[in-house]
Structures are given as structure tokens and as C-alpha cells.
N, C-alpha and C. Protein backbone atom coordinates (compact mmCIF):
# COMPACT_ATOMS: atom_id res chain seq x y z
N MET A 1 18.17 -4.68 2.78
CA MET A 1 17.26 -5.70 2.28
C MET A 1 17.71 -6.13 0.88
N ALA A 2 17.58 -7.39 0.59
CA ALA A 2 18.01 -7.95 -0.69
C ALA A 2 17.06 -7.54 -1.81
N THR A 3 17.55 -7.68 -3.04
CA THR A 3 16.76 -7.37 -4.22
C THR A 3 16.72 -8.60 -5.12
N THR A 4 15.54 -8.95 -5.61
CA THR A 4 15.38 -10.02 -6.58
C THR A 4 15.05 -9.39 -7.92
N VAL A 5 15.77 -9.80 -8.97
CA VAL A 5 15.56 -9.25 -10.31
C VAL A 5 15.08 -10.38 -11.22
N ILE A 6 13.96 -10.14 -11.90
CA ILE A 6 13.44 -11.08 -12.90
C ILE A 6 13.88 -10.54 -14.26
N GLY A 7 14.78 -11.26 -14.92
CA GLY A 7 15.40 -10.81 -16.16
C GLY A 7 14.42 -10.69 -17.32
N SER A 8 14.85 -9.99 -18.36
CA SER A 8 13.97 -9.66 -19.48
C SER A 8 13.50 -10.88 -20.26
N SER A 9 14.24 -11.99 -20.23
CA SER A 9 13.82 -13.18 -20.98
C SER A 9 13.05 -14.18 -20.12
N ILE A 10 12.83 -13.85 -18.85
CA ILE A 10 12.17 -14.76 -17.91
C ILE A 10 10.66 -14.54 -17.95
N VAL A 11 9.91 -15.66 -17.97
CA VAL A 11 8.45 -15.63 -17.87
C VAL A 11 8.06 -16.49 -16.68
N ILE A 12 7.33 -15.91 -15.74
CA ILE A 12 6.86 -16.63 -14.56
C ILE A 12 5.35 -16.65 -14.60
N ASP A 13 4.78 -17.84 -14.48
CA ASP A 13 3.33 -18.00 -14.43
C ASP A 13 3.00 -18.65 -13.09
N GLY A 14 2.47 -17.86 -12.16
CA GLY A 14 2.19 -18.40 -10.83
C GLY A 14 2.17 -17.29 -9.81
N GLU A 15 2.65 -17.61 -8.60
CA GLU A 15 2.61 -16.65 -7.51
C GLU A 15 4.01 -16.35 -7.01
N ILE A 16 4.30 -15.08 -6.79
CA ILE A 16 5.56 -14.65 -6.20
C ILE A 16 5.22 -13.98 -4.88
N SER A 17 5.86 -14.43 -3.82
CA SER A 17 5.67 -13.77 -2.53
C SER A 17 7.00 -13.72 -1.81
N GLY A 18 7.19 -12.70 -0.98
CA GLY A 18 8.43 -12.57 -0.24
C GLY A 18 8.53 -11.25 0.47
N GLU A 19 9.68 -11.07 1.09
CA GLU A 19 9.93 -9.89 1.91
C GLU A 19 10.72 -8.82 1.17
N GLU A 20 11.51 -9.23 0.16
CA GLU A 20 12.49 -8.31 -0.40
C GLU A 20 11.99 -7.52 -1.60
N HIS A 21 12.81 -6.56 -1.98
CA HIS A 21 12.57 -5.67 -3.12
C HIS A 21 12.57 -6.52 -4.40
N LEU A 22 11.59 -6.30 -5.28
CA LEU A 22 11.46 -7.07 -6.51
C LEU A 22 11.50 -6.13 -7.71
N VAL A 23 12.35 -6.47 -8.70
CA VAL A 23 12.47 -5.71 -9.94
C VAL A 23 12.11 -6.64 -11.08
N VAL A 24 11.13 -6.23 -11.91
CA VAL A 24 10.66 -7.07 -13.01
C VAL A 24 11.06 -6.44 -14.34
N HIS A 25 11.93 -7.16 -15.08
CA HIS A 25 12.27 -6.78 -16.45
C HIS A 25 11.54 -7.69 -17.44
N GLY A 26 11.13 -8.86 -16.97
CA GLY A 26 10.49 -9.87 -17.82
C GLY A 26 8.98 -9.85 -17.68
N THR A 27 8.38 -11.06 -17.66
CA THR A 27 6.92 -11.19 -17.61
C THR A 27 6.52 -12.01 -16.40
N VAL A 28 5.55 -11.50 -15.64
CA VAL A 28 5.00 -12.23 -14.51
C VAL A 28 3.49 -12.28 -14.68
N LYS A 29 2.93 -13.51 -14.64
CA LYS A 29 1.49 -13.70 -14.74
C LYS A 29 1.03 -14.41 -13.47
N GLY A 30 -0.06 -13.95 -12.89
CA GLY A 30 -0.60 -14.61 -11.71
C GLY A 30 -0.80 -13.66 -10.56
N ARG A 31 0.11 -13.73 -9.56
CA ARG A 31 -0.05 -12.94 -8.35
C ARG A 31 1.33 -12.56 -7.80
N ILE A 32 1.46 -11.31 -7.36
CA ILE A 32 2.69 -10.85 -6.72
C ILE A 32 2.32 -10.26 -5.36
N ASN A 33 2.98 -10.77 -4.32
CA ASN A 33 2.77 -10.26 -2.97
C ASN A 33 4.14 -10.10 -2.32
N VAL A 34 4.66 -8.87 -2.32
CA VAL A 34 5.96 -8.60 -1.71
C VAL A 34 5.82 -7.50 -0.67
N ARG A 35 6.47 -7.72 0.47
CA ARG A 35 6.37 -6.77 1.58
C ARG A 35 7.13 -5.48 1.27
N ASP A 36 8.28 -5.61 0.61
CA ASP A 36 9.07 -4.44 0.24
C ASP A 36 8.50 -3.84 -1.05
N SER A 37 9.30 -3.12 -1.81
CA SER A 37 8.79 -2.43 -2.99
C SER A 37 8.92 -3.27 -4.25
N LEU A 38 8.12 -2.91 -5.24
CA LEU A 38 8.11 -3.57 -6.54
C LEU A 38 8.36 -2.51 -7.61
N VAL A 39 9.27 -2.83 -8.55
CA VAL A 39 9.53 -1.95 -9.69
C VAL A 39 9.31 -2.76 -10.95
N VAL A 40 8.42 -2.28 -11.82
CA VAL A 40 8.21 -2.89 -13.13
C VAL A 40 8.96 -2.01 -14.12
N GLU A 41 10.08 -2.53 -14.63
CA GLU A 41 10.94 -1.73 -15.49
C GLU A 41 10.36 -1.62 -16.90
N ASN A 42 10.93 -0.69 -17.68
CA ASN A 42 10.54 -0.50 -19.07
C ASN A 42 10.72 -1.83 -19.81
N GLY A 43 9.68 -2.29 -20.48
CA GLY A 43 9.73 -3.59 -21.14
C GLY A 43 9.19 -4.72 -20.28
N GLY A 44 9.05 -4.47 -18.99
CA GLY A 44 8.49 -5.47 -18.07
C GLY A 44 6.98 -5.53 -18.23
N LEU A 45 6.43 -6.75 -18.08
CA LEU A 45 4.99 -6.95 -18.18
C LEU A 45 4.51 -7.75 -16.99
N VAL A 46 3.57 -7.18 -16.25
CA VAL A 46 2.97 -7.87 -15.11
C VAL A 46 1.49 -8.02 -15.41
N GLU A 47 1.05 -9.27 -15.55
CA GLU A 47 -0.37 -9.58 -15.71
C GLU A 47 -0.77 -10.30 -14.44
N ALA A 48 -0.97 -9.53 -13.38
CA ALA A 48 -1.14 -10.14 -12.06
C ALA A 48 -1.85 -9.19 -11.12
N THR A 49 -2.40 -9.75 -10.07
CA THR A 49 -2.87 -8.98 -8.93
C THR A 49 -1.64 -8.69 -8.07
N VAL A 50 -1.46 -7.43 -7.70
CA VAL A 50 -0.25 -7.02 -7.00
C VAL A 50 -0.60 -6.49 -5.62
N GLU A 51 0.13 -7.00 -4.60
CA GLU A 51 0.06 -6.45 -3.25
C GLU A 51 1.48 -6.16 -2.81
N THR A 52 1.75 -4.90 -2.42
CA THR A 52 3.09 -4.49 -2.05
C THR A 52 3.00 -3.23 -1.19
N SER A 53 4.14 -2.80 -0.65
CA SER A 53 4.13 -1.54 0.09
C SER A 53 4.22 -0.36 -0.87
N SER A 54 5.05 -0.52 -1.91
CA SER A 54 5.27 0.56 -2.86
C SER A 54 5.52 -0.02 -4.24
N ILE A 55 4.91 0.58 -5.27
CA ILE A 55 5.13 0.11 -6.64
C ILE A 55 5.49 1.28 -7.53
N THR A 56 6.48 1.06 -8.39
CA THR A 56 6.86 2.02 -9.41
C THR A 56 6.74 1.32 -10.75
N VAL A 57 5.93 1.88 -11.65
CA VAL A 57 5.68 1.25 -12.94
C VAL A 57 6.33 2.07 -14.04
N ASN A 58 7.30 1.44 -14.73
CA ASN A 58 7.88 2.02 -15.94
C ASN A 58 7.40 1.26 -17.17
N GLY A 59 6.96 0.02 -16.96
CA GLY A 59 6.50 -0.85 -18.04
C GLY A 59 4.99 -0.95 -18.05
N THR A 60 4.47 -2.20 -18.04
CA THR A 60 3.04 -2.44 -18.16
C THR A 60 2.53 -3.33 -17.04
N VAL A 61 1.40 -2.94 -16.45
CA VAL A 61 0.71 -3.77 -15.46
C VAL A 61 -0.73 -3.93 -15.90
N ASN A 62 -1.15 -5.18 -16.08
CA ASN A 62 -2.56 -5.51 -16.32
C ASN A 62 -3.03 -6.26 -15.09
N GLY A 63 -3.75 -5.59 -14.22
CA GLY A 63 -4.22 -6.22 -12.99
C GLY A 63 -4.38 -5.18 -11.90
N ASP A 64 -5.05 -5.57 -10.84
CA ASP A 64 -5.29 -4.65 -9.74
C ASP A 64 -4.05 -4.51 -8.86
N ILE A 65 -3.82 -3.28 -8.39
CA ILE A 65 -2.67 -2.97 -7.55
C ILE A 65 -3.16 -2.50 -6.19
N SER A 66 -2.60 -3.09 -5.14
CA SER A 66 -2.86 -2.64 -3.78
C SER A 66 -1.51 -2.35 -3.12
N ALA A 67 -1.27 -1.06 -2.82
CA ALA A 67 -0.01 -0.66 -2.21
C ALA A 67 -0.29 0.03 -0.88
N SER A 68 0.40 -0.41 0.17
CA SER A 68 0.14 0.15 1.50
C SER A 68 0.73 1.54 1.68
N GLU A 69 1.75 1.91 0.84
CA GLU A 69 2.37 3.23 0.98
C GLU A 69 2.13 4.12 -0.23
N ARG A 70 2.57 3.65 -1.45
CA ARG A 70 2.44 4.52 -2.61
C ARG A 70 2.48 3.72 -3.90
N ALA A 71 1.88 4.32 -4.95
CA ALA A 71 1.93 3.77 -6.30
C ALA A 71 2.34 4.90 -7.23
N GLU A 72 3.34 4.63 -8.07
CA GLU A 72 3.81 5.66 -9.00
C GLU A 72 3.82 5.11 -10.41
N LEU A 73 3.15 5.83 -11.31
CA LEU A 73 3.12 5.50 -12.73
C LEU A 73 3.99 6.51 -13.45
N ARG A 74 5.11 6.04 -13.98
CA ARG A 74 6.07 6.91 -14.64
C ARG A 74 5.65 7.17 -16.09
N PRO A 75 6.28 8.17 -16.74
CA PRO A 75 5.95 8.44 -18.15
C PRO A 75 6.14 7.18 -19.00
N ASN A 76 5.27 6.98 -19.96
CA ASN A 76 5.29 5.84 -20.89
C ASN A 76 4.88 4.52 -20.25
N SER A 77 4.47 4.53 -18.99
CA SER A 77 3.96 3.30 -18.37
C SER A 77 2.50 3.11 -18.75
N THR A 78 2.03 1.85 -18.62
CA THR A 78 0.63 1.53 -18.89
C THR A 78 0.10 0.68 -17.75
N VAL A 79 -1.02 1.09 -17.17
CA VAL A 79 -1.67 0.31 -16.12
C VAL A 79 -3.14 0.17 -16.48
N ILE A 80 -3.61 -1.08 -16.54
CA ILE A 80 -5.02 -1.37 -16.74
C ILE A 80 -5.47 -2.17 -15.53
N GLY A 81 -6.26 -1.54 -14.69
CA GLY A 81 -6.72 -2.18 -13.46
C GLY A 81 -6.92 -1.13 -12.38
N ASP A 82 -7.46 -1.55 -11.27
CA ASP A 82 -7.74 -0.63 -10.17
C ASP A 82 -6.49 -0.46 -9.30
N ILE A 83 -6.31 0.75 -8.78
CA ILE A 83 -5.19 1.04 -7.89
C ILE A 83 -5.74 1.48 -6.54
N ARG A 84 -5.26 0.83 -5.48
CA ARG A 84 -5.61 1.23 -4.11
C ARG A 84 -4.32 1.54 -3.36
N ALA A 85 -4.14 2.82 -2.99
CA ALA A 85 -2.95 3.25 -2.26
C ALA A 85 -3.23 4.62 -1.64
N PRO A 86 -2.60 4.93 -0.50
CA PRO A 86 -2.83 6.24 0.11
C PRO A 86 -2.19 7.38 -0.69
N ARG A 87 -1.10 7.09 -1.43
CA ARG A 87 -0.45 8.09 -2.28
C ARG A 87 -0.30 7.52 -3.68
N ILE A 88 -0.83 8.25 -4.67
CA ILE A 88 -0.76 7.80 -6.05
C ILE A 88 -0.21 8.93 -6.91
N LEU A 89 0.86 8.64 -7.65
CA LEU A 89 1.46 9.62 -8.54
C LEU A 89 1.33 9.10 -9.96
N ILE A 90 0.71 9.88 -10.83
CA ILE A 90 0.57 9.50 -12.24
C ILE A 90 1.24 10.58 -13.07
N ALA A 91 2.37 10.22 -13.68
CA ALA A 91 3.17 11.19 -14.43
C ALA A 91 2.51 11.51 -15.77
N ASP A 92 2.83 12.68 -16.28
CA ASP A 92 2.39 13.07 -17.61
C ASP A 92 2.96 12.08 -18.62
N GLY A 93 2.11 11.51 -19.47
CA GLY A 93 2.56 10.53 -20.45
C GLY A 93 2.26 9.10 -20.04
N ALA A 94 1.83 8.89 -18.80
CA ALA A 94 1.44 7.56 -18.35
C ALA A 94 0.04 7.26 -18.85
N SER A 95 -0.23 5.96 -19.11
CA SER A 95 -1.55 5.54 -19.54
C SER A 95 -2.19 4.72 -18.43
N PHE A 96 -3.39 5.12 -18.01
CA PHE A 96 -4.06 4.44 -16.90
C PHE A 96 -5.54 4.27 -17.21
N LYS A 97 -6.03 3.03 -17.06
CA LYS A 97 -7.45 2.76 -17.22
C LYS A 97 -7.89 1.92 -16.04
N GLY A 98 -8.76 2.49 -15.21
CA GLY A 98 -9.24 1.78 -14.03
C GLY A 98 -9.75 2.77 -13.00
N ASN A 99 -9.91 2.29 -11.79
CA ASN A 99 -10.40 3.12 -10.71
C ASN A 99 -9.28 3.37 -9.70
N VAL A 100 -9.39 4.49 -9.00
CA VAL A 100 -8.41 4.86 -7.97
C VAL A 100 -9.12 4.91 -6.63
N ASP A 101 -8.51 4.28 -5.62
CA ASP A 101 -9.02 4.33 -4.25
C ASP A 101 -7.88 4.76 -3.35
N MET A 102 -7.98 5.98 -2.81
CA MET A 102 -6.93 6.49 -1.94
C MET A 102 -7.32 6.38 -0.47
N GLY A 103 -8.32 5.57 -0.19
CA GLY A 103 -8.73 5.38 1.20
C GLY A 103 -9.46 6.58 1.74
N GLY A 104 -9.58 6.59 3.06
CA GLY A 104 -10.22 7.74 3.70
C GLY A 104 -11.66 7.58 3.67
């Protein structure tokens, strides 16, 4: 599967949707809906509602996250918003403010 990379100087205001793996180094505002996985790299900023199969956050997400498989917050990441996923990993050093829904 292909990978789309949003560079560190890129700012997108709107909706991103697609099938492939998405890596965010820059800023995305609005909505992200990708069938494959999403990675928000260190320095990346997502101010959006996110729907994906799997998300890994190294940077910052302000918005609700819905992942069908897993959500992982790495050390030094920041997430403000609700997370809904069957598997949620929050590393020591991650900052999280919101609610968690693991289904069931």
C-alpha cells in the first residue's frame, strides 16, 4: 500500500480521505478519514476529527479519534479529545486529556 507524507511546512485546511497510509509532519485542520494507518510525527499538528484503522501519535492531536484497530500515544505526544478504539496504548510521558471508549 502506498504512503502519503504531508511535509513539515505544509498546512492543509479541509478534509483528507483515502485508502493509503498517511504520515503527517505538518499541520492538518478539519477532518481525516483514512482506511489504512495514520502517523502524526514529532512536530506534526492535527486539529481534526480523525477516523482510521490505526493511529500513532508522536506529535499533537486536538480532536476526537476513532480507530477501528488501535490508538497509540507515544512519549512526548499530546492528545486533547476523545479516543475510541478497541486497543489503546498510552506511553509514559504522553499527555492526554479526554475520554476513552474501548467498546464492549
